[in-house]
């Protein structure tokens, strides 16, 4: 899987999957947000975590050899179980 980087206000990094079913954002506070598309096509936060505890690059690297699933929420299972949500 690869990512397409784009701009989004309030994020230092914002990238989405080629299908645009999910996206990752990193803000100035170093909080990672995992977004999924809502029914209206808007981005909705499915999960947030502190990048100091699990970086966005580590998460993205774990996805590089995977195919994009039909349900992007399946990818959240790859996060460490002890990772607290924000």
C-alpha atoms as a PDB file:
ATOM      1  CA  UNK A   1       0.000   0.000   0.000  1.00  0.00           C
ATOM      2  CA  UNK A   2       1.186   3.485  -0.657  1.00  0.00           C
ATOM      3  CA  UNK A   3      -0.026   6.927   0.388  1.00  0.00           C
ATOM      4  CA  UNK A   4      -0.843  10.163  -1.365  1.00  0.00           C
ATOM      5  CA  UNK A   5       0.289  13.234   0.546  1.00  0.00           C
ATOM      6  CA  UNK A   6      -1.890  16.311   0.398  1.00  0.00           C
ATOM      7  CA  UNK A   7      -2.504  19.455   2.415  1.00  0.00           C
ATOM      8  CA  UNK A   8      -5.136  19.912   5.063  1.00  0.00           C
ATOM      9  CA  UNK A   9      -5.423  22.807   7.508  1.00  0.00           C
ATOM     10  CA  UNK A  10      -4.170  22.139  11.040  1.00  0.00           C
ATOM     11  CA  UNK A  11      -1.972  19.189   9.993  1.00  0.00           C
ATOM     12  CA  UNK A  12       1.768  19.142   9.347  1.00  0.00           C
ATOM     13  CA  UNK A  13       1.265  15.881   7.445  1.00  0.00           C
ATOM     14  CA  UNK A  14      -1.897  14.570   5.849  1.00  0.00           C
ATOM     15  CA  UNK A  15      -1.883  11.540   3.587  1.00  0.00           C
ATOM     16  CA  UNK A  16      -4.552   9.225   2.299  1.00  0.00           C
ATOM     17  CA  UNK A  17      -4.837   5.838   0.700  1.00  0.00           C
ATOM     18  CA  UNK A  18      -5.147   5.742  -3.095  1.00  0.00           C
ATOM     19  CA  UNK A  19      -8.842   4.866  -2.786  1.00  0.00           C
ATOM     20  CA  UNK A  20      -9.304   7.764  -0.326  1.00  0.00           C
ATOM     21  CA  UNK A  21     -11.159   5.448   2.082  1.00  0.00           C
ATOM     22  CA  UNK A  22      -8.819   6.355   4.936  1.00  0.00           C
ATOM     23  CA  UNK A  23      -6.214   8.947   5.811  1.00  0.00           C
ATOM     24  CA  UNK A  24      -3.603   9.727   8.440  1.00  0.00           C
ATOM     25  CA  UNK A  25      -2.920  13.155   9.821  1.00  0.00           C
ATOM     26  CA  UNK A  26      -0.189  14.436  12.116  1.00  0.00           C
ATOM     27  CA  UNK A  27      -0.768  17.742  13.860  1.00  0.00           C
ATOM     28  CA  UNK A  28       1.632  20.193  15.523  1.00  0.00           C
ATOM     29  CA  UNK A  29       1.012  18.599  18.937  1.00  0.00           C
ATOM     30  CA  UNK A  30       2.349  15.314  17.463  1.00  0.00           C
ATOM     31  CA  UNK A  31      -1.041  13.629  17.635  1.00  0.00           C
ATOM     32  CA  UNK A  32      -1.805  11.079  14.921  1.00  0.00           C
ATOM     33  CA  UNK A  33      -5.381  10.936  13.636  1.00  0.00           C
ATOM     34  CA  UNK A  34      -6.748   8.005  11.639  1.00  0.00           C
ATOM     35  CA  UNK A  35      -9.643   9.158   9.447  1.00  0.00           C
ATOM     36  CA  UNK A  36     -12.272   7.258   7.480  1.00  0.00           C
ATOM     37  CA  UNK A  37     -14.722   8.637   4.946  1.00  0.00           C
ATOM     38  CA  UNK A  38     -18.174   9.335   6.294  1.00  0.00           C
ATOM     39  CA  UNK A  39     -21.411   8.726   4.393  1.00  0.00           C
ATOM     40  CA  UNK A  40     -21.345  12.318   3.152  1.00  0.00           C
ATOM     41  CA  UNK A  41     -17.753  11.956   1.915  1.00  0.00           C
ATOM     42  CA  UNK A  42     -16.297  13.942   4.808  1.00  0.00           C
ATOM     43  CA  UNK A  43     -13.340  12.821   6.906  1.00  0.00           C
ATOM     44  CA  UNK A  44     -14.270  11.433  10.319  1.00  0.00           C
ATOM     45  CA  UNK A  45     -11.780  10.603  13.060  1.00  0.00           C
ATOM     46  CA  UNK A  46     -11.836   6.904  13.904  1.00  0.00           C
ATOM     47  CA  UNK A  47      -8.848   6.939  16.301  1.00  0.00           C
ATOM     48  CA  UNK A  48      -6.242   9.327  17.706  1.00  0.00           C
ATOM     49  CA  UNK A  49      -2.999   8.564  19.520  1.00  0.00           C
ATOM     50  CA  UNK A  50       0.201  10.229  20.613  1.00  0.00           C
ATOM     51  CA  UNK A  51       2.981   9.813  18.047  1.00  0.00           C
ATOM     52  CA  UNK A  52       5.580   9.553  20.825  1.00  0.00           C
ATOM     53  CA  UNK A  53       3.930   6.265  21.826  1.00  0.00           C
ATOM     54  CA  UNK A  54       3.492   4.932  18.274  1.00  0.00           C
ATOM     55  CA  UNK A  55       4.646   7.024  15.343  1.00  0.00           C
ATOM     56  CA  UNK A  56       2.740   7.565  12.149  1.00  0.00           C
ATOM     57  CA  UNK A  57       5.771   6.366  10.188  1.00  0.00           C
ATOM     58  CA  UNK A  58       5.851   3.075  12.079  1.00  0.00           C
ATOM     59  CA  UNK A  59       2.168   2.575  11.330  1.00  0.00           C
ATOM     60  CA  UNK A  60       2.606   3.473   7.660  1.00  0.00           C
ATOM     61  CA  UNK A  61       5.624   1.154   7.346  1.00  0.00           C
ATOM     62  CA  UNK A  62       3.521  -1.702   8.734  1.00  0.00           C
ATOM     63  CA  UNK A  63       1.098  -1.131   5.855  1.00  0.00           C
ATOM     64  CA  UNK A  64       3.602  -1.025   3.000  1.00  0.00           C
ATOM     65  CA  UNK A  65       3.378  -4.746   2.127  1.00  0.00           C
ATOM     66  CA  UNK A  66      -0.385  -4.975   2.638  1.00  0.00           C
ATOM     67  CA  UNK A  67      -3.269  -4.569   0.274  1.00  0.00           C
ATOM     68  CA  UNK A  68      -5.789  -1.952   1.216  1.00  0.00           C
ATOM     69  CA  UNK A  69      -8.754  -3.629   2.905  1.00  0.00           C
ATOM     70  CA  UNK A  70     -12.343  -2.859   1.899  1.00  0.00           C
ATOM     71  CA  UNK A  71     -12.998  -1.782   5.499  1.00  0.00           C
ATOM     72  CA  UNK A  72     -10.212   0.566   6.601  1.00  0.00           C
ATOM     73  CA  UNK A  73     -11.131   0.091  10.262  1.00  0.00           C
ATOM     74  CA  UNK A  74      -9.495  -3.353  10.001  1.00  0.00           C
ATOM     75  CA  UNK A  75      -6.147  -1.541   9.954  1.00  0.00           C
ATOM     76  CA  UNK A  76      -6.650  -0.331  13.501  1.00  0.00           C
ATOM     77  CA  UNK A  77      -6.033  -3.918  14.635  1.00  0.00           C
ATOM     78  CA  UNK A  78      -2.381  -3.361  13.716  1.00  0.00           C
ATOM     79  CA  UNK A  79      -1.986  -0.792  16.489  1.00  0.00           C
ATOM     80  CA  UNK A  80      -0.421  -2.021  19.717  1.00  0.00           C
ATOM     81  CA  UNK A  81      -3.231  -3.126  22.058  1.00  0.00           C
ATOM     82  CA  UNK A  82      -1.777  -1.117  24.931  1.00  0.00           C
ATOM     83  CA  UNK A  83      -1.758   2.137  22.878  1.00  0.00           C
ATOM     84  CA  UNK A  84      -4.110   4.590  24.592  1.00  0.00           C
ATOM     85  CA  UNK A  85      -6.607   6.442  22.419  1.00  0.00           C
ATOM     86  CA  UNK A  86      -6.900  10.194  22.748  1.00  0.00           C
END
